[in-house]
Protein backbone atom coordinates (compact mmCIF):
# COMPACT_ATOMS: atom_id res chain seq x y z
CA MET A 1 0.00 0.00 0.00
CA ASN A 2 1.23 3.50 -0.84
CA PHE A 3 2.33 5.16 2.42
CA LEU A 4 0.45 8.37 1.60
CA ASN A 5 -2.79 6.38 1.38
CA THR A 6 -2.39 4.94 4.87
CA PHE A 7 -4.38 6.07 7.87
CA ARG A 8 -1.23 7.02 9.82
CA ALA A 9 0.20 9.11 6.97
CA ARG A 10 -3.03 11.06 6.48
CA LEU A 11 -3.41 11.68 10.20
CA LEU A 12 0.23 12.82 10.41
CA ILE A 13 -0.18 15.15 7.42
CA ILE A 14 -3.34 16.68 8.87
CA LEU A 15 -1.68 17.24 12.26
CA ILE A 16 1.34 18.85 10.57
CA ILE A 17 -0.95 21.13 8.55
CA LEU A 18 -2.83 22.13 11.70
CA LEU A 19 0.46 22.78 13.54
CA ILE A 20 1.91 24.86 10.69
CA THR A 21 -1.34 26.81 10.33
CA THR A 22 -1.51 27.54 14.05
CA LEU A 23 2.14 28.61 14.25
CA SER A 24 1.84 30.73 11.11
CA PHE A 25 -1.24 32.50 12.43
CA GLN A 26 0.42 33.04 15.80
CA TYR A 27 3.52 34.45 14.08
CA TYR A 28 1.30 36.78 12.05
CA LEU A 29 -0.43 37.96 15.22
CA ASN A 30 2.90 38.55 16.95
CA LEU A 31 4.14 40.48 13.94
CA LYS A 32 1.01 42.66 13.91
CA THR A 33 1.35 43.21 17.67
CA GLN A 34 4.97 44.24 17.25
CA GLU A 35 4.02 46.64 14.48
CA GLU A 36 1.27 48.09 16.66
CA ASN A 37 3.70 48.53 19.56
CA ASN A 38 6.19 50.23 17.24
CA ARG A 39 3.43 52.51 16.00
CA LEU A 40 2.42 53.44 19.54
CA ARG A 41 6.04 54.02 20.52
CA GLU A 42 6.53 56.20 17.44
CA LYS A 43 3.43 58.23 18.30
CA GLN A 44 4.72 58.63 21.84
CA GLU A 45 8.13 59.76 20.61
CA GLN A 46 6.52 62.23 18.21
CA ALA A 47 4.39 63.62 21.04
CA LEU A 48 7.43 63.96 23.31
CA VAL A 49 9.47 65.71 20.61
CA ALA A 50 6.60 68.10 19.85
CA GLY A 51 6.02 68.73 23.54
CA PHE A 52 9.65 69.45 24.29
CA ALA A 53 9.94 71.63 21.18
CA LEU A 54 6.88 73.63 22.25
CA GLY A 55 8.15 73.85 25.83
CA THR A 56 11.56 75.07 24.71
CA GLY A 57 9.84 77.69 22.60
CA GLY A 58 7.87 78.77 25.65
CA ILE A 59 11.13 79.38 27.51
CA THR A 60 12.67 81.52 24.78
CA LYS A 61 9.52 83.43 23.86
CA THR A 62 7.29 85.71 25.81
CA ASP A 63 4.08 84.14 24.53
CA TYR A 64 2.21 81.61 26.60
CA LEU A 65 2.09 77.98 25.42
CA SER A 66 -1.61 78.22 24.68
CA ASP A 67 -0.82 81.06 22.27
CA LEU A 68 2.14 79.29 20.68
CA VAL A 69 0.08 76.25 19.64
CA LYS A 70 -2.29 78.58 17.82
CA ARG A 71 0.40 80.21 15.71
CA GLU A 72 0.37 79.25 12.04
CA ASP A 73 4.16 79.03 11.78
CA GLN A 74 4.51 76.22 14.33
CA THR A 75 4.99 72.83 12.66
CA PHE A 76 5.27 70.43 15.55
CA PHE A 77 1.90 70.64 17.18
CA ASN A 78 -1.18 69.23 15.37
CA ASP A 79 -4.41 67.47 16.24
CA LYS A 80 -2.86 64.00 16.45
CA ILE A 81 -0.12 65.30 18.75
CA SER A 82 -2.62 67.18 20.93
CA GLU A 83 -4.56 63.95 21.42
CA ARG A 84 -1.47 62.40 23.01
CA ILE A 85 -0.29 65.36 25.12
CA LYS A 86 -2.21 66.02 28.29
CA ASP A 87 -0.15 69.03 29.46
CA ILE A 88 3.17 70.84 29.08
CA ILE A 89 4.65 72.52 32.15
CA ILE A 90 7.64 74.93 32.14
CA ILE A 91 9.67 75.11 35.38
CA ASN A 92 12.28 77.88 36.01
CA GLN A 93 15.52 77.73 37.94
CA ASN A 94 13.69 78.56 41.16
CA TRP A 95 11.40 75.51 40.79
CA GLN A 96 8.47 77.68 39.95
CA ILE A 97 5.92 76.94 37.23
CA THR A 98 6.07 79.69 34.65
CA ASP A 99 3.57 78.28 32.16
CA SER A 100 1.17 75.39 31.50
CA LEU A 101 -0.57 74.37 28.33
CA ASN A 102 -3.84 73.05 29.72
CA SER A 103 -3.84 73.57 33.49
CA GLU A 104 -5.09 77.08 34.30
CA GLU A 105 -4.44 76.60 38.02
CA LEU A 106 -0.70 76.29 37.28
CA ILE A 107 -0.42 79.42 35.12
CA PRO A 108 1.14 82.46 36.91
CA VAL A 109 -1.31 85.19 37.98
CA GLU A 110 -0.91 88.95 38.52
CA GLY A 111 -0.97 90.19 42.13
CA GLU A 112 -2.45 93.34 43.64
CA ASN A 113 0.76 95.27 43.07
CA LYS A 114 1.07 94.12 39.47
CA GLU A 115 3.65 91.56 40.49
CA VAL A 116 3.64 88.06 38.95
CA ILE A 117 2.76 85.28 41.36
CA TYR A 118 4.13 81.82 40.44
CA LYS A 119 3.02 78.48 41.78
CA ASN A 120 5.79 76.34 43.17
CA LEU A 121 6.41 72.93 41.64
CA ALA A 122 6.16 71.35 45.08
CA ASP A 123 2.57 72.60 45.34
CA ALA A 124 1.46 71.04 42.06
CA GLU A 125 -1.12 68.31 42.60
CA ASN A 126 -2.30 65.27 40.62
CA LEU A 127 0.92 64.95 38.64
CA PRO A 128 1.42 61.53 37.06
CA PRO A 129 4.54 59.49 37.90
CA LEU A 130 7.84 60.77 36.55
CA GLN A 131 9.48 58.45 34.04
CA GLU A 132 13.27 57.77 34.17
CA SER A 133 13.75 60.19 37.04
CA LYS A 134 17.29 58.87 37.69
CA ARG A 135 18.53 60.79 34.65
CA LEU A 136 17.86 64.05 36.52
CA GLY A 137 20.31 63.16 39.26
CA ALA A 138 19.91 65.14 42.49
CA ASP A 139 17.32 67.43 40.88
CA ALA A 140 14.85 64.58 40.77
CA ALA A 141 14.13 65.11 44.46
CA LYS A 142 12.57 68.48 43.61
CA PHE A 143 9.84 66.83 41.59
CA PRO A 144 6.93 65.67 43.79
CA ASN A 145 5.92 63.01 41.27
CA ALA A 146 9.37 61.38 41.21
CA ALA A 147 8.47 59.26 44.23
CA ILE A 148 5.45 57.73 42.51
CA ASP A 149 5.94 54.23 41.09
CA PRO A 150 6.31 54.62 37.31
CA ASN A 151 4.23 51.44 36.81
CA ALA A 152 1.36 52.66 38.98
CA GLU A 153 -2.13 52.76 37.49
CA THR A 154 -2.62 56.47 36.63
CA ASP A 155 -4.17 58.45 33.83
CA GLY A 156 -0.83 59.63 32.40
CA GLU A 157 2.96 59.69 32.59
CA ALA A 158 5.41 62.63 32.94
CA HIS A 159 8.69 63.14 31.04
CA VAL A 160 11.18 65.90 31.95
CA ILE A 161 14.20 67.39 30.11
CA PRO A 162 16.49 70.09 31.44
CA VAL A 163 17.14 73.19 29.36
CA ASP A 164 20.21 75.33 30.22
CA THR A 165 19.54 79.05 29.75
CA SER A 166 21.38 82.26 30.56
CA LYS A 167 19.23 82.49 33.70
CA GLY A 168 20.06 78.97 34.82
CA ARG A 169 18.65 75.48 34.31
CA TRP A 170 15.00 75.32 33.40
CA TYR A 171 12.85 72.21 32.94
CA VAL A 172 10.20 71.26 30.48
CA MET A 173 7.73 68.60 31.74
CA VAL A 174 5.60 66.91 29.12
CA ILE A 175 2.65 64.92 30.48
CA LEU A 176 1.33 62.29 28.06
CA LYS A 177 -2.08 60.73 28.29
CA SER A 178 -2.10 57.14 29.48
CA ASP A 179 -2.28 54.48 26.74
CA LYS A 180 -2.37 51.54 29.14
CA SER A 181 -6.04 50.83 28.46
CA GLU A 182 -5.38 50.93 24.74
CA SER A 183 -2.28 48.76 25.22
CA ALA A 184 -4.30 46.30 27.28
CA LYS A 185 -6.91 46.18 24.55
CA LYS A 186 -4.25 45.64 21.92
CA ALA A 187 -2.64 42.95 24.07
CA ALA A 188 -6.00 41.19 24.50
CA GLN A 189 -6.67 41.00 20.76
CA PRO A 190 -3.99 38.35 20.08
CA LEU A 191 -5.43 36.29 22.92
CA VAL A 192 -8.86 36.44 21.32
CA TYR A 193 -7.43 35.47 17.95
CA THR A 194 -5.38 32.69 19.52
CA LEU A 195 -8.45 31.40 21.34
CA PHE A 196 -10.34 31.41 18.02
CA VAL A 197 -7.54 29.49 16.27
CA LEU A 198 -7.32 26.95 19.10
CA SER A 199 -11.09 26.51 19.11
CA LEU A 200 -11.12 26.03 15.34
CA SER A 201 -8.21 23.58 15.54
CA THR A 202 -9.96 21.68 18.34
CA PHE A 203 -13.19 21.54 16.34
CA ILE A 204 -11.37 20.27 13.25
CA THR A 205 -9.49 17.73 15.38
CA ILE A 206 -12.77 16.47 16.88
CA LEU A 207 -14.27 16.13 13.39
CA LEU A 208 -11.21 14.25 12.17
CA VAL A 209 -11.16 11.99 15.21
CA TRP A 210 -14.89 11.30 14.71
CA ARG A 211 -14.32 10.57 11.02
CA PHE A 212 -11.30 8.34 11.64
CA THR A 213 -12.84 6.45 14.57
CA ARG A 214 -16.24 5.94 12.97
CA PRO A 215 -15.05 2.92 10.91
CA ILE A 216 -13.64 1.44 14.13
CA ALA A 217 -17.03 1.90 15.81
CA ASP A 218 -18.72 0.29 12.78
CA LEU A 219 -16.34 -2.67 13.02
CA SER A 220 -16.98 -2.96 16.75
CA ASN A 221 -20.76 -3.01 16.26
CA ALA A 222 -20.45 -5.48 13.39
CA ALA A 223 -18.20 -7.76 15.47
CA ARG A 224 -20.81 -7.66 18.24
CA GLU A 225 -23.49 -8.70 15.71
CA VAL A 226 -21.29 -11.56 14.48
CA ALA A 227 -20.67 -12.69 18.07
CA ALA A 228 -24.45 -12.74 18.54
CA GLY A 229 -24.76 -15.08 15.54
CA ASN A 230 -25.73 -12.65 12.78
CA LEU A 231 -23.37 -13.51 9.92
CA CYS A 232 -25.28 -11.39 7.40
CA VAL A 233 -23.85 -8.14 8.79
CA ARG A 234 -21.51 -6.13 6.54
CA VAL A 235 -19.39 -3.05 7.28
CA GLU A 236 -19.80 -0.03 5.00
CA GLN A 237 -16.39 0.72 3.45
CA ARG A 238 -17.18 4.41 2.73
CA GLY A 239 -14.76 4.49 -0.21
CA GLN A 240 -11.67 4.34 2.00
CA THR A 241 -8.40 3.03 0.57
CA ASN A 242 -6.34 3.11 3.79
CA GLU A 243 -5.89 0.49 6.51
CA MET A 244 -9.45 1.02 7.76
CA GLY A 245 -10.81 0.37 4.28
CA GLU A 246 -8.74 -2.80 3.98
CA LEU A 247 -9.81 -3.91 7.44
CA ALA A 248 -13.48 -3.38 6.55
CA ALA A 249 -13.01 -5.30 3.27
CA ARG A 250 -11.29 -8.21 5.06
CA PHE A 251 -14.04 -8.20 7.71
CA ASN A 252 -16.74 -8.38 5.04
CA GLU A 253 -14.88 -11.21 3.29
CA MET A 254 -14.59 -13.04 6.61
CA THR A 255 -18.31 -12.74 7.40
CA ALA A 256 -19.20 -13.76 3.84
CA GLU A 257 -17.03 -16.88 4.16
CA LEU A 258 -18.48 -17.65 7.59
CA GLU A 259 -21.99 -17.26 6.17
CA LYS A 260 -21.16 -19.61 3.29
CA LYS A 261 -19.61 -22.06 5.72
CA GLN A 262 -22.71 -21.91 7.92
CA GLU A 263 -24.95 -22.51 4.91
CA LEU A 264 -22.78 -25.41 3.76
CA GLU A 265 -22.79 -26.92 7.25
CA ALA A 266 -26.58 -26.59 7.39
CA LYS A 267 -26.93 -28.24 3.98
CA LEU A 268 -24.48 -30.96 4.99
CA GLN A 269 -26.43 -31.62 8.16
CA GLU A 270 -29.64 -31.71 6.13
CA VAL A 271 -28.11 -34.13 3.63
CA GLU A 272 -26.74 -36.36 6.40
CA LYS A 273 -30.08 -36.23 8.16
CA SER A 274 -31.93 -37.05 4.94
CA ALA A 275 -29.54 -39.89 4.23
CA VAL A 276 -30.01 -41.37 7.69
CA VAL A 277 -33.77 -40.89 7.54
CA GLY A 278 -33.83 -42.30 4.01
CA ARG A 279 -31.97 -45.46 4.97
CA LEU A 280 -34.10 -45.90 8.05
CA GLY A 281 -37.28 -45.10 6.12
CA SER A 282 -36.43 -47.55 3.33
CA ALA A 283 -35.89 -50.32 5.86
CA ILE A 284 -39.10 -49.49 7.73
CA ALA A 285 -41.07 -49.07 4.50
CA HIS A 286 -39.91 -52.50 3.33
CA GLU A 287 -40.99 -54.10 6.59
CA ILE A 288 -44.36 -52.30 6.52
CA ARG A 289 -45.20 -52.65 2.84
CA ASN A 290 -44.83 -56.41 2.83
CA PRO A 291 -47.61 -56.86 5.43
CA LEU A 292 -49.66 -54.17 3.69
CA ASN A 293 -49.40 -56.01 0.37
CA TYR A 294 -50.43 -59.22 2.06
CA ILE A 295 -53.38 -57.46 3.73
CA ASN A 296 -54.43 -55.90 0.41
CA LEU A 297 -54.25 -59.23 -1.42
CA SER A 298 -56.14 -60.94 1.39
CA LEU A 299 -58.90 -58.36 1.17
CA ASP A 300 -59.22 -58.98 -2.55
CA HIS A 301 -59.36 -62.73 -1.90
CA LEU A 302 -62.00 -62.27 0.79
CA ARG A 303 -64.11 -60.07 -1.50
CA ALA A 304 -63.88 -62.65 -4.27
CA LYS A 305 -64.33 -65.93 -2.34
CA PHE A 306 -66.10 -65.19 0.91
CA LYS A 307 -68.65 -62.52 0.10
CA PRO A 308 -71.98 -63.40 1.80
CA GLU A 309 -74.82 -64.35 -0.52
CA ASP A 310 -77.30 -62.34 1.52
CA ALA A 311 -77.66 -58.93 -0.16
CA ALA A 312 -77.67 -56.90 3.07
CA LYS A 313 -74.71 -58.75 4.49
CA GLY A 314 -72.94 -58.53 1.13
CA ALA A 315 -73.32 -54.74 1.10
CA ASP A 316 -71.90 -54.44 4.61
CA PHE A 317 -69.08 -56.80 3.66
CA ASP A 318 -68.18 -54.70 0.58
CA LYS A 319 -68.30 -51.48 2.62
CA LEU A 320 -66.01 -52.81 5.34
CA THR A 321 -63.49 -54.31 2.93
CA ALA A 322 -63.51 -51.11 0.84
CA GLN A 323 -62.74 -49.08 3.95
CA LEU A 324 -59.93 -51.45 4.88
CA LYS A 325 -58.44 -51.15 1.37
CA ALA A 326 -58.74 -47.35 1.56
CA GLU A 327 -56.85 -47.30 4.87
CA VAL A 328 -54.20 -49.60 3.42
CA ALA A 329 -53.88 -47.27 0.43
CA ARG A 330 -53.59 -44.27 2.73
CA ILE A 331 -50.82 -45.91 4.74
CA ASN A 332 -49.08 -46.90 1.52
CA GLN A 333 -49.33 -43.29 0.23
CA GLN A 334 -47.86 -41.93 3.44
CA ILE A 335 -44.94 -44.33 3.09
CA SER A 336 -44.47 -43.19 -0.50
CA ASP A 337 -44.48 -39.54 0.56
CA PHE A 338 -41.93 -40.25 3.26
CA LEU A 339 -39.65 -42.07 0.85
CA SER A 340 -40.04 -39.37 -1.78
CA TYR A 341 -38.98 -36.66 0.65
CA SER A 342 -36.14 -38.59 2.31
CA ARG A 343 -34.45 -39.79 -0.88
CA PRO A 344 -31.70 -37.53 -2.36
CA PRO A 345 -33.05 -35.94 -5.56
CA ASN A 346 -31.79 -37.41 -8.82
CA PRO A 347 -34.05 -35.93 -11.51
CA ASN A 348 -33.92 -37.00 -15.15
CA LEU A 349 -34.57 -33.63 -16.80
CA GLN A 350 -36.11 -33.81 -20.28
CA ALA A 351 -38.35 -31.69 -22.46
CA THR A 352 -41.78 -32.36 -20.98
CA ASP A 353 -45.33 -31.46 -21.94
CA VAL A 354 -46.67 -29.95 -18.73
CA ARG A 355 -50.32 -30.28 -19.81
CA LYS A 356 -50.02 -34.06 -20.25
CA THR A 357 -48.44 -34.41 -16.80
CA ILE A 358 -51.21 -32.30 -15.23
CA GLU A 359 -53.92 -34.38 -16.95
CA ASP A 360 -52.34 -37.59 -15.58
CA SER A 361 -52.41 -36.14 -12.06
CA LEU A 362 -56.01 -34.91 -12.41
CA ARG A 363 -57.19 -38.46 -13.25
CA ILE A 364 -56.12 -39.54 -9.77
CA VAL A 365 -58.58 -37.11 -8.10
CA GLU A 366 -61.39 -37.21 -10.68
CA ALA A 367 -63.38 -39.91 -8.92
CA GLN A 368 -63.08 -38.30 -5.49
CA ALA A 369 -63.89 -34.87 -6.99
CA ALA A 370 -67.03 -36.25 -8.60
CA ASP A 371 -68.16 -37.81 -5.31
CA CYS A 372 -67.62 -34.44 -3.52
CA ASN A 373 -69.39 -32.36 -6.20
CA ILE A 374 -66.17 -30.61 -7.25
CA LYS A 375 -65.89 -29.24 -10.79
CA ILE A 376 -62.46 -29.42 -12.45
CA SER A 377 -61.39 -27.06 -15.25
CA LEU A 378 -58.10 -26.98 -17.18
CA VAL A 379 -57.24 -23.99 -19.40
CA GLU A 380 -54.07 -23.77 -21.50
CA HIS A 381 -53.04 -20.64 -23.40
CA GLU A 382 -51.72 -20.88 -26.93
CA ASN A 383 -48.09 -21.63 -27.77
CA VAL A 384 -47.13 -22.99 -24.38
CA PRO A 385 -43.55 -24.32 -24.71
CA ARG A 386 -42.26 -27.51 -23.18
CA ILE A 387 -40.46 -27.36 -19.85
CA LEU A 388 -37.21 -28.98 -18.75
CA ALA A 389 -38.39 -31.37 -16.06
CA ASP A 390 -38.65 -34.92 -14.73
CA ALA A 391 -42.19 -36.17 -15.43
CA GLU A 392 -42.29 -38.45 -12.36
CA TYR A 393 -41.23 -35.59 -10.06
CA LEU A 394 -43.87 -33.34 -11.64
CA ARG A 395 -46.59 -35.92 -11.08
CA SER A 396 -45.65 -36.06 -7.40
CA LEU A 397 -45.82 -32.23 -7.28
CA PHE A 398 -49.25 -31.94 -8.95
CA ASN A 399 -50.66 -35.01 -7.18
CA ASN A 400 -50.06 -33.40 -3.78
CA LEU A 401 -51.48 -30.03 -4.85
CA PHE A 402 -54.61 -31.56 -6.40
CA ILE A 403 -55.21 -33.95 -3.48
CA ASN A 404 -54.91 -31.05 -1.01
CA ALA A 405 -57.31 -28.94 -3.07
CA VAL A 406 -59.93 -31.70 -3.22
CA GLN A 407 -59.59 -32.43 0.50
CA ALA A 408 -60.07 -28.70 1.23
CA MET A 409 -63.46 -28.81 -0.56
CA GLU A 410 -64.79 -32.09 0.85
CA GLY A 411 -68.29 -31.74 2.19
CA THR A 412 -68.87 -28.34 0.56
CA GLY A 413 -68.05 -28.90 -3.07
CA GLY A 414 -66.50 -26.17 -5.21
CA ASN A 415 -64.24 -25.53 -8.17
CA LEU A 416 -60.72 -26.67 -8.92
CA SER A 417 -59.24 -24.65 -11.78
CA VAL A 418 -55.86 -25.06 -13.48
CA LYS A 419 -54.35 -22.52 -15.90
CA ILE A 420 -51.20 -22.91 -17.97
CA VAL A 421 -49.68 -19.59 -19.10
CA PRO A 422 -46.36 -19.00 -20.96
CA GLU A 423 -44.00 -16.27 -19.69
CA ASP A 424 -40.58 -14.94 -20.72
CA TYR A 425 -38.44 -17.64 -19.12
CA PHE A 426 -41.01 -19.81 -17.39
CA VAL A 427 -44.23 -21.67 -17.84
CA LYS A 428 -46.65 -20.57 -15.14
CA ILE A 429 -49.20 -23.02 -13.70
CA GLU A 430 -51.97 -21.50 -11.55
CA ILE A 431 -53.94 -23.89 -9.30
CA SER A 432 -56.96 -22.44 -7.49
CA ASP A 433 -59.62 -23.96 -5.27
CA THR A 434 -62.64 -22.60 -3.43
CA GLY A 435 -62.06 -24.57 -0.26
CA LYS A 436 -61.69 -23.56 3.36
CA GLY A 437 -58.35 -21.81 2.80
CA ILE A 438 -55.23 -21.56 4.95
CA PRO A 439 -55.02 -19.30 8.04
CA GLU A 440 -52.58 -16.41 7.56
CA GLU A 441 -50.43 -17.49 10.51
CA ASN A 442 -49.81 -20.88 8.80
CA LEU A 443 -48.85 -19.61 5.33
CA ASP A 444 -45.16 -19.35 6.26
CA LYS A 445 -45.12 -22.90 7.66
CA ILE A 446 -46.98 -24.99 5.08
CA PHE A 447 -43.81 -25.98 3.19
CA GLU A 448 -42.00 -27.11 6.35
CA PRO A 449 -41.61 -30.89 6.74
CA TYR A 450 -44.05 -32.60 9.08
CA PHE A 451 -46.21 -29.50 9.50
CA SER A 452 -49.87 -30.35 9.02
CA THR A 453 -53.27 -29.13 10.21
CA LYS A 454 -54.95 -32.42 9.27
CA GLU A 455 -55.52 -35.05 11.92
CA THR A 456 -54.33 -37.81 9.58
CA GLY A 457 -51.73 -35.84 7.61
CA THR A 458 -47.98 -36.47 7.66
CA GLY A 459 -47.04 -32.89 6.75
CA LEU A 460 -44.86 -34.06 3.85
CA GLY A 461 -47.11 -33.27 0.88
CA LEU A 462 -46.25 -29.58 0.43
CA ALA A 463 -42.68 -30.21 1.61
CA ILE A 464 -42.34 -32.59 -1.35
CA VAL A 465 -43.88 -29.92 -3.61
CA GLN A 466 -41.28 -27.36 -2.45
CA LYS A 467 -38.48 -29.88 -2.92
CA VAL A 468 -39.56 -30.69 -6.49
CA VAL A 469 -39.83 -26.98 -7.34
CA ASP A 470 -36.31 -26.39 -5.97
CA VAL A 471 -34.91 -29.35 -7.91
CA HIS A 472 -36.25 -27.80 -11.12
CA ASN A 473 -34.99 -24.28 -10.23
CA GLY A 474 -38.56 -23.07 -10.24
CA ILE A 475 -40.66 -20.71 -8.11
CA ILE A 476 -43.76 -21.40 -6.02
CA GLU A 477 -46.04 -18.81 -4.47
CA VAL A 478 -49.22 -19.16 -2.45
CA THR A 479 -52.04 -16.85 -1.39
CA SER A 480 -55.04 -17.88 0.66
CA ALA A 481 -57.93 -16.53 2.65
CA PRO A 482 -60.04 -18.50 5.14
CA ASN A 483 -63.34 -19.76 3.65
CA GLU A 484 -62.45 -18.27 0.25
CA GLY A 485 -59.91 -20.71 -1.12
CA THR A 486 -56.22 -21.09 -1.94
CA HIS A 487 -54.25 -20.03 -5.01
CA PHE A 488 -50.89 -21.67 -5.88
CA VAL A 489 -48.60 -20.33 -8.63
CA VAL A 490 -45.84 -22.64 -9.87
CA LYS A 491 -43.26 -21.35 -12.36
CA LEU A 492 -41.01 -23.87 -14.07
CA PRO A 493 -38.19 -23.03 -16.53
CA LYS A 494 -39.04 -23.63 -20.17
CA VAL A 495 -36.77 -25.46 -22.56
C-alpha cells in the first residue's frame, strides 16, 4: 500500500498542517502586535518631541504655550499630537511653574501690586509618575511626582528634560495621556485570535477523530453482531483506501465466508439427516409394505371368495373391505411420501409437456372430486412451450397439490381450476380452489416438513412440492384466505 494512502500518513499530514497553520497564524499575530507597539512608541516619541519643542519655545519666547500652539508658523503641534499630550509645564531655575498648556491653576497670575505670582512645583497636585527620574540626578528630588511608582495605574505619565539658559537650568515637563487601556486592549486582541484558532483547531481535530474512529465503531458493532450469531452483517467501506478500508473489506470477506460455511454446514447436516432418515425409512417401509401387500391381497381374496350371498350382508361386507383397502392405500401413500422426501433428488430432466403431466395427475382425483361435487377445469393458453423437467417428479408435485385442493373442498363442493400460461423464461401453472383456505399465521409454515393441520396428515405433501420446485430451479407462491380458497402459482423453466 502507498504510504500516503495509509491512515497514519493522512493523520500525520493533517496534524502537521494544523500545527503549521496555528504557528503561522500566531507568528502573524505577533508580527502585527509588534508593528502596533512600534506605531504606539513612534506616536509617543513624536508627542514627546513636539512637547519638548513647544516647551523650549515657551522658555525663549514671551508668549504663553496656549498662544504658541495657535500660531500658524509652528509645525510640531497638530491634532494627532494634541490627542497624546495632556499638558506641558515649564519650570524655572527657582522651581516655579512659569507656564502650563492646559492647566489654568498652574499658570502664573498677577498680584495686587502688578507683580507676577508663580506656583511652586512642590505645590502642584495630581501629577502623574515621573518616568526615568534617575537621569535628573539630584534634581529629581525636587519633583513631587518622582516618588510615585512609574508602573502605577494612573491616567498619564510625565517626562522631563532640562534646558540650560542664561538664567540657569530650566525644565520642560511633558505629560502624556495614558495608553495603558489601549495597550491592554491591543494585548487582548492576540489572545482572542489565539483562542479562536485553538477553538477552530480543536473543532477540526474532533471532526477528524470522529471521522477516523467511525469505521472502528462500525467494526466494533459489526463484530458484536457476528458474536451474537448474525453472519449477514456487513461493514460499510465508505470508499476508504487506507488500513481502515482494507480492514473493513477483510471483515466483510470473513463474514461472507463464515456465512457460506454456515450454509454449507446446514446443507451438509440436512443431507446427512436425509440420508439417515432415508436409509431408516427404506428399511421401515420395506418391513411395513410387505404386510400391507399381504393385507391388500387378502382383502381382494376375501371379497372374491367369501362374500356373503345375503344382499344386506354382502353390502356391509363390501363397505367394510372397501374401507380397509382405503386405509391400506392411505398408509401406503404416506410411506411413498416419506420415501419421496427422504431420498436424495436425482431428476432426469427432459423436455416435458406440462399439460399431459397435469392431466395424468387430475385423473387420480377425478373420482373423489365427482363424489364431492367438485368441478375441475383446465385452461391452456396458446403456444405454451415444453419445460425442462422430470415427469415423475412433476406428477408427485401436482398429485399433492390436487389432493390437497380436493380435500379442502370435501363436504362443501366447489371448483378446482388449473391454468397454464407462458412467460418470458417460465411456464406458469396456476392452481386455485374454493375450499376452506389456509389461516394467515400458517402460510409461512406450510412448506415445512411434518407441519400439518390435518388429523391424519404427515405434513410431507407440500414439503415434497417445495423440494420438487427447488430441484427444477422453479418458483412457487401461495395466497389464501379463510373460507375463500387457496391459489398456488408454480413457475417452471421452459426449454
